[in-house]
Amino acid sequence: RQVTITVRETTTEKLTGTPSAHYQDQMYQQQLAQNESHTSSATKELDDLMASLSDFKVTSGTSHQHQSVTDYAKPNQGTAHYQSTLTTVSTTEHLPPPVVTSSGDQLDSMLGNLTADMSRQGVNTTQKGCCSACDKPIVGQVITALGKTWHPEHFTCNHCNQELGTRNFFERDGNPYCEPDYHNLFSPRCAYCNGPILDKCVTALEKTWHTEHFFCAQCGQQFGEDGFHERDGKPYCRNDYFDMFAPKCNGCNRAIMENYISALNSQWHPDCFVCRDCSKPVTGKSFYAMEGKPVCPGCAGAEEDE
């Protein structure tokens, strides 16, 4: 079977000419709208990136910390200033949107790259200095503290790395610390509870104490104007110290707290060293010893006469 194939040659007519004025106007309007859309998109990308740098509401103002402490625990006061106004940028050129990832660790590098891209595209930006922690430019929210500027997320405690934000903080050797870490690291410790001393401090027995924890080791009463006495590194009030450790009078068996008489291998209150029989004082007189007690000569002679 034969199949006949017919090949026909065709030509395409090329139209020539110029667009009408109305068509040119439509194309101009569309291009202008597209440029404006690109500009708005670039500005929105910057705003979104600025907003993503912080998860908290920034409040303008300062925070101060004042404490009544002794020289042992007194910290240097810290003051942080917040500025939360974003820099306004404008452009007449199309700025391609940056590629944004979800990793929070890349936000700073993205911001630096975006700033460089905007500068190359002719976008005017205003930097607020470089961050003292990462040495990168700050555009947007900024913290001024300790004579330096910081990204809010980089102004952190030097020990626990928690963001300080508007919290109270203390300075030590040029570094900021949150309040709990500062006291745990640098405040003196109480010899009784081993806790940090935040306010008034008692220094005694070569140790430091909370005022409410410096008390008699026997009765638990705080010390008054009489002060305290020490035994084996522990403080005692006057009464308990003498009751527990002072020699006892051989006459009344009470503690000797002041002057005493030493006789008959014992200690006596002056008022207790009296004749066993007549109870008259024998101080400065001769006496006899009978059954470990003093007896005046008169009573001793009477006993001999009997």
C-alpha atoms as a PDB file:
ATOM      1  CA  ARG A   1       0.000   0.000   0.000  1.00  0.00           C
ATOM      2  CA  GLN A   2       1.387   3.362  -0.937  1.00  0.00           C
ATOM      3  CA  VAL A   3       0.940   6.390   1.234  1.00  0.00           C
ATOM      4  CA  THR A   4       1.299   9.787  -0.301  1.00  0.00           C
ATOM      5  CA  ILE A   5       2.629  12.593   1.928  1.00  0.00           C
ATOM      6  CA  THR A   6       2.087  16.111   0.792  1.00  0.00           C
ATOM      7  CA  VAL A   7       4.435  18.756   2.165  1.00  0.00           C
ATOM      8  CA  ARG A   8       3.290  22.326   2.044  1.00  0.00           C
ATOM      9  CA  GLU A   9       5.516  25.290   2.718  1.00  0.00           C
ATOM     10  CA  THR A  10       4.007  28.036   4.859  1.00  0.00           C
ATOM     11  CA  THR A  11       5.246  31.483   5.822  1.00  0.00           C
ATOM     12  CA  THR A  12       4.564  33.642   8.859  1.00  0.00           C
ATOM     13  CA  GLU A  13       3.911  37.272   8.297  1.00  0.00           C
ATOM     14  CA  LYS A  14       5.897  39.522  10.675  1.00  0.00           C
ATOM     15  CA  LEU A  15       3.968  42.543  11.794  1.00  0.00           C
ATOM     16  CA  THR A  16       5.917  45.743  11.994  1.00  0.00           C
ATOM     17  CA  GLY A  17       5.111  49.027  13.645  1.00  0.00           C
ATOM     18  CA  THR A  18       5.279  50.867  17.030  1.00  0.00           C
ATOM     19  CA  PRO A  19       2.955  50.580  20.084  1.00  0.00           C
ATOM     20  CA  SER A  20       0.307  53.178  20.483  1.00  0.00           C
ATOM     21  CA  ALA A  21       0.624  55.984  23.049  1.00  0.00           C
ATOM     22  CA  HIS A  22      -2.169  54.442  25.133  1.00  0.00           C
ATOM     23  CA  TYR A  23      -0.345  51.127  25.278  1.00  0.00           C
ATOM     24  CA  GLN A  24       2.897  52.835  26.355  1.00  0.00           C
ATOM     25  CA  ASP A  25       1.068  54.631  29.175  1.00  0.00           C
ATOM     26  CA  GLN A  26      -0.378  51.346  30.439  1.00  0.00           C
ATOM     27  CA  MET A  27       3.048  49.723  30.466  1.00  0.00           C
ATOM     28  CA  TYR A  28       4.535  52.683  32.379  1.00  0.00           C
ATOM     29  CA  GLN A  29       1.821  52.525  35.041  1.00  0.00           C
ATOM     30  CA  GLN A  30       2.334  48.781  35.487  1.00  0.00           C
ATOM     31  CA  GLN A  31       6.109  49.205  35.835  1.00  0.00           C
ATOM     32  CA  LEU A  32       5.655  52.028  38.375  1.00  0.00           C
ATOM     33  CA  ALA A  33       3.260  49.919  40.454  1.00  0.00           C
ATOM     34  CA  GLN A  34       5.698  47.018  40.345  1.00  0.00           C
ATOM     35  CA  ASN A  35       8.576  49.233  41.559  1.00  0.00           C
ATOM     36  CA  GLU A  36       6.458  50.588  44.410  1.00  0.00           C
ATOM     37  CA  SER A  37       5.503  47.041  45.363  1.00  0.00           C
ATOM     38  CA  HIS A  38       9.148  46.016  45.417  1.00  0.00           C
ATOM     39  CA  THR A  39      10.082  49.023  47.578  1.00  0.00           C
ATOM     40  CA  SER A  40       7.290  48.320  50.052  1.00  0.00           C
ATOM     41  CA  SER A  41       8.303  44.667  50.139  1.00  0.00           C
ATOM     42  CA  ALA A  42      11.917  45.552  50.962  1.00  0.00           C
ATOM     43  CA  THR A  43      10.863  47.923  53.730  1.00  0.00           C
ATOM     44  CA  LYS A  44       8.494  45.308  55.133  1.00  0.00           C
ATOM     45  CA  GLU A  45      11.276  42.719  55.096  1.00  0.00           C
ATOM     46  CA  LEU A  46      13.419  45.066  57.199  1.00  0.00           C
ATOM     47  CA  ASP A  47      10.581  45.730  59.650  1.00  0.00           C
ATOM     48  CA  ASP A  48       9.849  42.010  59.995  1.00  0.00           C
ATOM     49  CA  LEU A  49      13.495  41.254  60.628  1.00  0.00           C
ATOM     50  CA  MET A  50      13.755  43.991  63.245  1.00  0.00           C
ATOM     51  CA  ALA A  51      10.676  42.651  65.017  1.00  0.00           C
ATOM     52  CA  SER A  52      12.015  39.095  64.983  1.00  0.00           C
ATOM     53  CA  LEU A  53      15.134  40.149  66.867  1.00  0.00           C
ATOM     54  CA  SER A  54      13.163  40.538  70.094  1.00  0.00           C
ATOM     55  CA  ASP A  55      10.490  38.382  71.687  1.00  0.00           C
ATOM     56  CA  PHE A  56       9.634  40.844  74.420  1.00  0.00           C
ATOM     57  CA  LYS A  57       8.043  44.275  74.637  1.00  0.00           C
ATOM     58  CA  VAL A  58      10.692  46.929  75.106  1.00  0.00           C
ATOM     59  CA  THR A  59       9.852  49.705  77.504  1.00  0.00           C
ATOM     60  CA  SER A  60      11.707  52.993  77.272  1.00  0.00           C
ATOM     61  CA  GLY A  61      13.291  54.213  80.492  1.00  0.00           C
ATOM     62  CA  THR A  62      15.899  53.208  83.077  1.00  0.00           C
ATOM     63  CA  SER A  63      16.091  50.773  85.900  1.00  0.00           C
ATOM     64  CA  HIS A  64      17.992  51.468  89.051  1.00  0.00           C
ATOM     65  CA  GLN A  65      19.038  49.355  91.922  1.00  0.00           C
ATOM     66  CA  HIS A  66      19.723  50.819  95.398  1.00  0.00           C
ATOM     67  CA  GLN A  67      20.774  48.614  98.323  1.00  0.00           C
ATOM     68  CA  SER A  68      21.653  49.316 101.931  1.00  0.00           C
ATOM     69  CA  VAL A  69      24.649  47.124 102.541  1.00  0.00           C
ATOM     70  CA  THR A  70      27.948  47.096 104.370  1.00  0.00           C
ATOM     71  CA  ASP A  71      31.255  47.555 102.574  1.00  0.00           C
ATOM     72  CA  TYR A  72      31.554  43.785 102.303  1.00  0.00           C
ATOM     73  CA  ALA A  73      28.619  43.317  99.913  1.00  0.00           C
ATOM     74  CA  LYS A  74      28.006  46.704  98.349  1.00  0.00           C
ATOM     75  CA  PRO A  75      27.765  46.358  94.533  1.00  0.00           C
ATOM     76  CA  ASN A  76      28.282  48.966  91.868  1.00  0.00           C
ATOM     77  CA  GLN A  77      24.886  50.114  90.658  1.00  0.00           C
ATOM     78  CA  GLY A  78      23.990  49.462  87.040  1.00  0.00           C
ATOM     79  CA  THR A  79      21.762  51.536  84.790  1.00  0.00           C
ATOM     80  CA  ALA A  80      20.482  50.381  81.400  1.00  0.00           C
ATOM     81  CA  HIS A  81      18.949  52.715  78.803  1.00  0.00           C
ATOM     82  CA  TYR A  82      16.630  51.317  76.151  1.00  0.00           C
ATOM     83  CA  GLN A  83      15.995  52.860  72.739  1.00  0.00           C
ATOM     84  CA  SER A  84      13.336  51.065  70.765  1.00  0.00           C
ATOM     85  CA  THR A  85      12.707  53.366  67.777  1.00  0.00           C
ATOM     86  CA  LEU A  86      13.443  51.664  64.473  1.00  0.00           C
ATOM     87  CA  THR A  87      15.397  53.542  61.814  1.00  0.00           C
ATOM     88  CA  THR A  88      13.268  54.622  58.835  1.00  0.00           C
ATOM     89  CA  VAL A  89      14.691  53.667  55.449  1.00  0.00           C
ATOM     90  CA  SER A  90      13.621  54.616  51.953  1.00  0.00           C
ATOM     91  CA  THR A  91      14.542  53.368  48.485  1.00  0.00           C
ATOM     92  CA  THR A  92      13.536  53.868  44.907  1.00  0.00           C
ATOM     93  CA  GLU A  93      15.134  50.671  43.665  1.00  0.00           C
ATOM     94  CA  HIS A  94      13.934  47.128  43.887  1.00  0.00           C
ATOM     95  CA  LEU A  95      15.637  45.310  46.791  1.00  0.00           C
ATOM     96  CA  PRO A  96      15.436  41.516  46.607  1.00  0.00           C
ATOM     97  CA  PRO A  97      14.074  40.051  49.850  1.00  0.00           C
ATOM     98  CA  PRO A  98      16.628  38.278  52.054  1.00  0.00           C
ATOM     99  CA  VAL A  99      16.468  34.575  52.677  1.00  0.00           C
ATOM    100  CA  VAL A 100      15.261  34.167  56.281  1.00  0.00           C
ATOM    101  CA  THR A 101      15.828  30.959  58.221  1.00  0.00           C
ATOM    102  CA  SER A 102      14.180  29.956  61.477  1.00  0.00           C
ATOM    103  CA  SER A 103      17.451  29.641  63.400  1.00  0.00           C
ATOM    104  CA  GLY A 104      17.749  32.358  66.052  1.00  0.00           C
ATOM    105  CA  ASP A 105      21.534  32.053  66.045  1.00  0.00           C
ATOM    106  CA  GLN A 106      21.683  33.455  62.488  1.00  0.00           C
ATOM    107  CA  LEU A 107      19.667  36.628  63.101  1.00  0.00           C
ATOM    108  CA  ASP A 108      22.721  38.761  63.813  1.00  0.00           C
ATOM    109  CA  SER A 109      24.599  37.656  60.702  1.00  0.00           C
ATOM    110  CA  MET A 110      21.440  38.160  58.645  1.00  0.00           C
ATOM    111  CA  LEU A 111      21.117  41.682  59.983  1.00  0.00           C
ATOM    112  CA  GLY A 112      24.708  42.477  59.092  1.00  0.00           C
ATOM    113  CA  ASN A 113      24.275  41.071  55.589  1.00  0.00           C
ATOM    114  CA  LEU A 114      21.016  42.956  55.119  1.00  0.00           C
ATOM    115  CA  THR A 115      22.638  46.230  56.154  1.00  0.00           C
ATOM    116  CA  ALA A 116      25.468  45.690  53.682  1.00  0.00           C
ATOM    117  CA  ASP A 117      23.023  44.794  50.901  1.00  0.00           C
ATOM    118  CA  MET A 118      20.941  47.895  51.582  1.00  0.00           C
ATOM    119  CA  SER A 119      24.030  50.087  51.440  1.00  0.00           C
ATOM    120  CA  ARG A 120      24.994  48.618  48.058  1.00  0.00           C
ATOM    121  CA  GLN A 121      21.452  49.176  46.804  1.00  0.00           C
ATOM    122  CA  GLY A 122      21.523  52.829  47.877  1.00  0.00           C
ATOM    123  CA  VAL A 123      19.313  52.395  50.953  1.00  0.00           C
ATOM    124  CA  ASN A 124      20.032  54.917  53.709  1.00  0.00           C
ATOM    125  CA  THR A 125      20.493  53.299  57.135  1.00  0.00           C
ATOM    126  CA  THR A 126      21.548  54.774  60.466  1.00  0.00           C
ATOM    127  CA  GLN A 127      23.634  52.615  62.777  1.00  0.00           C
ATOM    128  CA  LYS A 128      23.533  53.074  66.532  1.00  0.00           C
ATOM    129  CA  GLY A 129      27.041  51.848  67.182  1.00  0.00           C
ATOM    130  CA  CYS A 130      28.422  48.343  67.405  1.00  0.00           C
ATOM    131  CA  CYS A 131      27.374  45.738  69.938  1.00  0.00           C
ATOM    132  CA  SER A 132      29.937  45.311  72.712  1.00  0.00           C
ATOM    133  CA  ALA A 133      29.346  41.554  72.695  1.00  0.00           C
ATOM    134  CA  CYS A 134      29.413  40.644  68.992  1.00  0.00           C
ATOM    135  CA  ASP A 135      31.057  43.752  67.447  1.00  0.00           C
ATOM    136  CA  LYS A 136      28.288  43.938  64.841  1.00  0.00           C
ATOM    137  CA  PRO A 137      26.360  47.111  63.956  1.00  0.00           C
ATOM    138  CA  ILE A 138      23.147  47.825  65.826  1.00  0.00           C
ATOM    139  CA  VAL A 139      20.114  48.858  63.790  1.00  0.00           C
ATOM    140  CA  GLY A 140      16.846  48.993  65.720  1.00  0.00           C
ATOM    141  CA  GLN A 141      16.576  48.275  69.421  1.00  0.00           C
ATOM    142  CA  VAL A 142      19.661  49.164  71.447  1.00  0.00           C
ATOM    143  CA  ILE A 143      20.690  49.015  75.114  1.00  0.00           C
ATOM    144  CA  THR A 144      23.166  51.509  76.533  1.00  0.00           C
ATOM    145  CA  ALA A 145      24.787  50.341  79.769  1.00  0.00           C
ATOM    146  CA  LEU A 146      28.215  50.391  81.414  1.00  0.00           C
ATOM    147  CA  GLY A 147      29.295  52.989  78.872  1.00  0.00           C
ATOM    148  CA  LYS A 148      28.690  50.600  75.955  1.00  0.00           C
ATOM    149  CA  THR A 149      25.955  49.682  73.485  1.00  0.00           C
ATOM    150  CA  TRP A 150      24.436  46.230  73.119  1.00  0.00           C
ATOM    151  CA  HIS A 151      21.889  44.266  71.155  1.00  0.00           C
ATOM    152  CA  PRO A 152      19.084  43.524  73.666  1.00  0.00           C
ATOM    153  CA  GLU A 153      19.641  39.782  73.292  1.00  0.00           C
ATOM    154  CA  HIS A 154      23.385  40.189  73.916  1.00  0.00           C
ATOM    155  CA  PHE A 155      23.128  42.195  77.154  1.00  0.00           C
ATOM    156  CA  THR A 156      23.258  39.157  79.430  1.00  0.00           C
ATOM    157  CA  CYS A 157      24.490  38.094  82.858  1.00  0.00           C
ATOM    158  CA  ASN A 158      28.197  37.311  82.755  1.00  0.00           C
ATOM    159  CA  HIS A 159      27.599  34.116  84.763  1.00  0.00           C
ATOM    160  CA  CYS A 160      24.286  32.518  83.727  1.00  0.00           C
ATOM    161  CA  ASN A 161      23.954  34.223  80.293  1.00  0.00           C
ATOM    162  CA  GLN A 162      20.304  35.100  80.925  1.00  0.00           C
ATOM    163  CA  GLU A 163      19.098  38.275  79.202  1.00  0.00           C
ATOM    164  CA  LEU A 164      19.031  41.165  81.651  1.00  0.00           C
ATOM    165  CA  GLY A 165      16.506  43.324  79.786  1.00  0.00           C
ATOM    166  CA  THR A 166      14.914  45.705  82.289  1.00  0.00           C
ATOM    167  CA  ARG A 167      15.910  43.582  85.303  1.00  0.00           C
ATOM    168  CA  ASN A 168      18.120  44.975  88.028  1.00  0.00           C
ATOM    169  CA  PHE A 169      21.769  44.151  87.531  1.00  0.00           C
ATOM    170  CA  PHE A 170      25.083  44.741  89.259  1.00  0.00           C
ATOM    171  CA  GLU A 171      28.520  45.484  87.843  1.00  0.00           C
ATOM    172  CA  ARG A 172      31.755  43.743  88.775  1.00  0.00           C
ATOM    173  CA  ASP A 173      35.028  44.405  86.940  1.00  0.00           C
ATOM    174  CA  GLY A 174      33.114  45.932  84.031  1.00  0.00           C
ATOM    175  CA  ASN A 175      30.798  42.929  83.609  1.00  0.00           C
ATOM    176  CA  PRO A 176      27.041  42.857  84.286  1.00  0.00           C
ATOM    177  CA  TYR A 177      25.518  40.258  86.614  1.00  0.00           C
ATOM    178  CA  CYS A 178      21.943  39.445  87.501  1.00  0.00           C
ATOM    179  CA  GLU A 179      21.077  40.032  91.147  1.00  0.00           C
ATOM    180  CA  PRO A 180      20.990  36.363  92.297  1.00  0.00           C
ATOM    181  CA  ASP A 181      24.308  35.493  90.657  1.00  0.00           C
ATOM    182  CA  TYR A 182      26.028  38.621  91.937  1.00  0.00           C
ATOM    183  CA  HIS A 183      25.155  37.865  95.552  1.00  0.00           C
ATOM    184  CA  ASN A 184      25.918  34.148  95.231  1.00  0.00           C
ATOM    185  CA  LEU A 185      29.322  34.886  93.730  1.00  0.00           C
ATOM    186  CA  PHE A 186      30.537  37.966  95.580  1.00  0.00           C
ATOM    187  CA  SER A 187      28.509  38.673  98.738  1.00  0.00           C
ATOM    188  CA  PRO A 188      29.872  37.485 102.107  1.00  0.00           C
ATOM    189  CA  ARG A 189      28.427  34.286 103.556  1.00  0.00           C
ATOM    190  CA  CYS A 190      26.679  33.946 106.883  1.00  0.00           C
ATOM    191  CA  ALA A 191      28.598  31.669 109.276  1.00  0.00           C
ATOM    192  CA  TYR A 192      25.289  30.260 110.568  1.00  0.00           C
ATOM    193  CA  CYS A 193      23.242  29.516 107.414  1.00  0.00           C
ATOM    194  CA  ASN A 194      25.943  29.878 104.710  1.00  0.00           C
ATOM    195  CA  GLY A 195      23.573  32.081 102.727  1.00  0.00           C
ATOM    196  CA  PRO A 196      24.683  35.303 101.022  1.00  0.00           C
ATOM    197  CA  ILE A 197      24.364  38.449 103.110  1.00  0.00           C
ATOM    198  CA  LEU A 198      22.358  41.010 101.144  1.00  0.00           C
ATOM    199  CA  ASP A 199      21.866  43.750 103.708  1.00  0.00           C
ATOM    200  CA  LYS A 200      23.403  44.520 107.101  1.00  0.00           C
ATOM    201  CA  CYS A 201      26.303  42.373 108.152  1.00  0.00           C
ATOM    202  CA  VAL A 202      27.714  41.477 111.581  1.00  0.00           C
ATOM    203  CA  THR A 203      31.434  40.774 111.797  1.00  0.00           C
ATOM    204  CA  ALA A 204      32.550  38.765 114.835  1.00  0.00           C
ATOM    205  CA  LEU A 205      34.863  35.865 115.632  1.00  0.00           C
ATOM    206  CA  GLU A 206      36.585  36.521 112.269  1.00  0.00           C
ATOM    207  CA  LYS A 207      33.344  35.609 110.463  1.00  0.00           C
ATOM    208  CA  THR A 208      30.339  37.371 108.969  1.00  0.00           C
ATOM    209  CA  TRP A 209      26.731  36.830 110.018  1.00  0.00           C
ATOM    210  CA  HIS A 210      23.208  37.919 109.208  1.00  0.00           C
ATOM    211  CA  THR A 211      22.135  40.174 112.059  1.00  0.00           C
ATOM    212  CA  GLU A 212      19.253  37.819 112.891  1.00  0.00           C
ATOM    213  CA  HIS A 213      21.593  34.797 112.949  1.00  0.00           C
ATOM    214  CA  PHE A 214      24.141  36.127 115.432  1.00  0.00           C
ATOM    215  CA  PHE A 215      22.742  34.902 118.754  1.00  0.00           C
ATOM    216  CA  CYS A 216      23.672  32.919 121.866  1.00  0.00           C
ATOM    217  CA  ALA A 217      24.549  29.322 121.043  1.00  0.00           C
ATOM    218  CA  GLN A 218      22.805  28.156 124.232  1.00  0.00           C
ATOM    219  CA  CYS A 219      19.584  30.160 124.690  1.00  0.00           C
ATOM    220  CA  GLY A 220      19.159  31.582 121.168  1.00  0.00           C
ATOM    221  CA  GLN A 221      18.726  35.167 122.345  1.00  0.00           C
ATOM    222  CA  GLN A 222      20.340  37.969 120.370  1.00  0.00           C
ATOM    223  CA  PHE A 223      23.044  39.915 122.127  1.00  0.00           C
ATOM    224  CA  GLY A 224      22.372  43.269 123.722  1.00  0.00           C
ATOM    225  CA  GLU A 225      24.713  45.910 125.036  1.00  0.00           C
ATOM    226  CA  ASP A 226      26.514  43.363 127.233  1.00  0.00           C
ATOM    227  CA  GLY A 227      28.098  41.799 124.182  1.00  0.00           C
ATOM    228  CA  PHE A 228      29.031  38.145 124.085  1.00  0.00           C
ATOM    229  CA  HIS A 229      31.644  35.651 125.222  1.00  0.00           C
ATOM    230  CA  GLU A 230      33.335  33.069 123.036  1.00  0.00           C
ATOM    231  CA  ARG A 231      34.012  29.419 123.726  1.00  0.00           C
ATOM    232  CA  ASP A 232      35.234  26.947 121.096  1.00  0.00           C
ATOM    233  CA  GLY A 233      34.331  29.380 118.303  1.00  0.00           C
ATOM    234  CA  LYS A 234      30.726  29.828 119.472  1.00  0.00           C
ATOM    235  CA  PRO A 235      29.194  32.999 120.930  1.00  0.00           C
ATOM    236  CA  TYR A 236      27.374  32.932 124.272  1.00  0.00           C
ATOM    237  CA  CYS A 237      25.499  35.543 126.242  1.00  0.00           C
ATOM    238  CA  ARG A 238      26.996  36.545 129.575  1.00  0.00           C
ATOM    239  CA  ASN A 239      24.637  34.533 131.772  1.00  0.00           C
ATOM    240  CA  ASP A 240      24.907  31.292 129.811  1.00  0.00           C
ATOM    241  CA  TYR A 241      28.654  31.564 129.442  1.00  0.00           C
ATOM    242  CA  PHE A 242      29.266  31.871 133.175  1.00  0.00           C
ATOM    243  CA  ASP A 243      26.644  29.259 134.053  1.00  0.00           C
ATOM    244  CA  MET A 244      28.269  26.767 131.713  1.00  0.00           C
ATOM    245  CA  PHE A 245      31.975  27.537 131.953  1.00  0.00           C
ATOM    246  CA  ALA A 246      32.758  29.801 134.939  1.00  0.00           C
ATOM    247  CA  PRO A 247      34.035  28.325 138.230  1.00  0.00           C
ATOM    248  CA  LYS A 248      31.399  27.765 140.894  1.00  0.00           C
ATOM    249  CA  CYS A 249      31.443  29.341 144.332  1.00  0.00           C
ATOM    250  CA  ASN A 250      32.133  26.767 147.047  1.00  0.00           C
ATOM    251  CA  GLY A 251      29.708  28.578 149.295  1.00  0.00           C
ATOM    252  CA  CYS A 252      26.541  28.958 147.129  1.00  0.00           C
ATOM    253  CA  ASN A 253      27.480  26.807 144.107  1.00  0.00           C
ATOM    254  CA  ARG A 254      26.628  29.625 141.713  1.00  0.00           C
ATOM    255  CA  ALA A 255      28.869  30.897 138.934  1.00  0.00           C
ATOM    256  CA  ILE A 256      31.552  33.388 139.859  1.00  0.00           C
ATOM    257  CA  MET A 257      31.180  36.272 137.403  1.00  0.00           C
ATOM    258  CA  GLU A 258      33.366  38.964 138.971  1.00  0.00           C
ATOM    259  CA  ASN A 259      35.773  39.178 141.929  1.00  0.00           C
ATOM    260  CA  TYR A 260      36.364  36.067 143.930  1.00  0.00           C
ATOM    261  CA  ILE A 261      38.431  34.694 146.782  1.00  0.00           C
ATOM    262  CA  SER A 262      40.641  31.680 146.342  1.00  0.00           C
ATOM    263  CA  ALA A 263      41.016  29.699 149.565  1.00  0.00           C
ATOM    264  CA  LEU A 264      40.835  26.122 150.789  1.00  0.00           C
ATOM    265  CA  ASN A 265      41.510  24.948 147.220  1.00  0.00           C
ATOM    266  CA  SER A 266      38.242  26.542 146.046  1.00  0.00           C
ATOM    267  CA  GLN A 267      36.834  29.821 144.735  1.00  0.00           C
ATOM    268  CA  TRP A 268      34.328  31.905 146.675  1.00  0.00           C
ATOM    269  CA  HIS A 269      32.207  34.970 146.186  1.00  0.00           C
ATOM    270  CA  PRO A 270      33.506  37.569 148.662  1.00  0.00           C
ATOM    271  CA  ASP A 271      30.094  37.610 150.317  1.00  0.00           C
ATOM    272  CA  CYS A 272      30.068  33.830 150.589  1.00  0.00           C
ATOM    273  CA  PHE A 273      33.437  33.474 152.311  1.00  0.00           C
ATOM    274  CA  VAL A 274      32.099  33.668 155.895  1.00  0.00           C
ATOM    275  CA  CYS A 275      32.432  31.714 159.082  1.00  0.00           C
ATOM    276  CA  ARG A 276      30.602  28.455 158.907  1.00  0.00           C
ATOM    277  CA  ASP A 277      29.143  28.914 162.391  1.00  0.00           C
ATOM    278  CA  CYS A 278      28.456  32.643 162.861  1.00  0.00           C
ATOM    279  CA  SER A 279      28.253  33.638 159.158  1.00  0.00           C
ATOM    280  CA  LYS A 280      30.479  36.646 159.764  1.00  0.00           C
ATOM    281  CA  PRO A 281      32.968  37.602 157.021  1.00  0.00           C
ATOM    282  CA  VAL A 282      36.446  36.236 157.611  1.00  0.00           C
ATOM    283  CA  THR A 283      38.110  38.189 154.804  1.00  0.00           C
ATOM    284  CA  GLY A 284      41.419  39.697 155.953  1.00  0.00           C
ATOM    285  CA  LYS A 285      41.339  37.702 159.199  1.00  0.00           C
ATOM    286  CA  SER A 286      42.847  34.468 160.266  1.00  0.00           C
ATOM    287  CA  PHE A 287      40.523  31.510 160.206  1.00  0.00           C
ATOM    288  CA  TYR A 288      40.431  27.821 160.685  1.00  0.00           C
ATOM    289  CA  ALA A 289      39.463  25.238 158.154  1.00  0.00           C
ATOM    290  CA  MET A 290      36.922  22.733 159.302  1.00  0.00           C
ATOM    291  CA  GLU A 291      35.351  20.256 156.886  1.00  0.00           C
ATOM    292  CA  GLY A 292      36.423  22.439 153.972  1.00  0.00           C
ATOM    293  CA  LYS A 293      34.719  25.557 155.379  1.00  0.00           C
ATOM    294  CA  PRO A 294      36.233  28.647 157.034  1.00  0.00           C
ATOM    295  CA  VAL A 295      35.664  29.128 160.780  1.00  0.00           C
ATOM    296  CA  CYS A 296      36.606  32.339 162.569  1.00  0.00           C
ATOM    297  CA  PRO A 297      38.947  32.120 165.613  1.00  0.00           C
ATOM    298  CA  GLY A 298      36.154  32.942 168.035  1.00  0.00           C
ATOM    299  CA  CYS A 299      33.942  30.120 166.881  1.00  0.00           C
ATOM    300  CA  ALA A 300      36.923  27.816 166.631  1.00  0.00           C
ATOM    301  CA  GLY A 301      37.934  28.620 170.274  1.00  0.00           C
ATOM    302  CA  ALA A 302      34.411  28.065 171.524  1.00  0.00           C
ATOM    303  CA  GLU A 303      34.344  24.685 169.869  1.00  0.00           C
ATOM    304  CA  GLU A 304      37.686  23.833 171.501  1.00  0.00           C
ATOM    305  CA  ASP A 305      36.403  24.930 174.957  1.00  0.00           C
ATOM    306  CA  GLU A 306      33.451  22.644 174.572  1.00  0.00           C
END
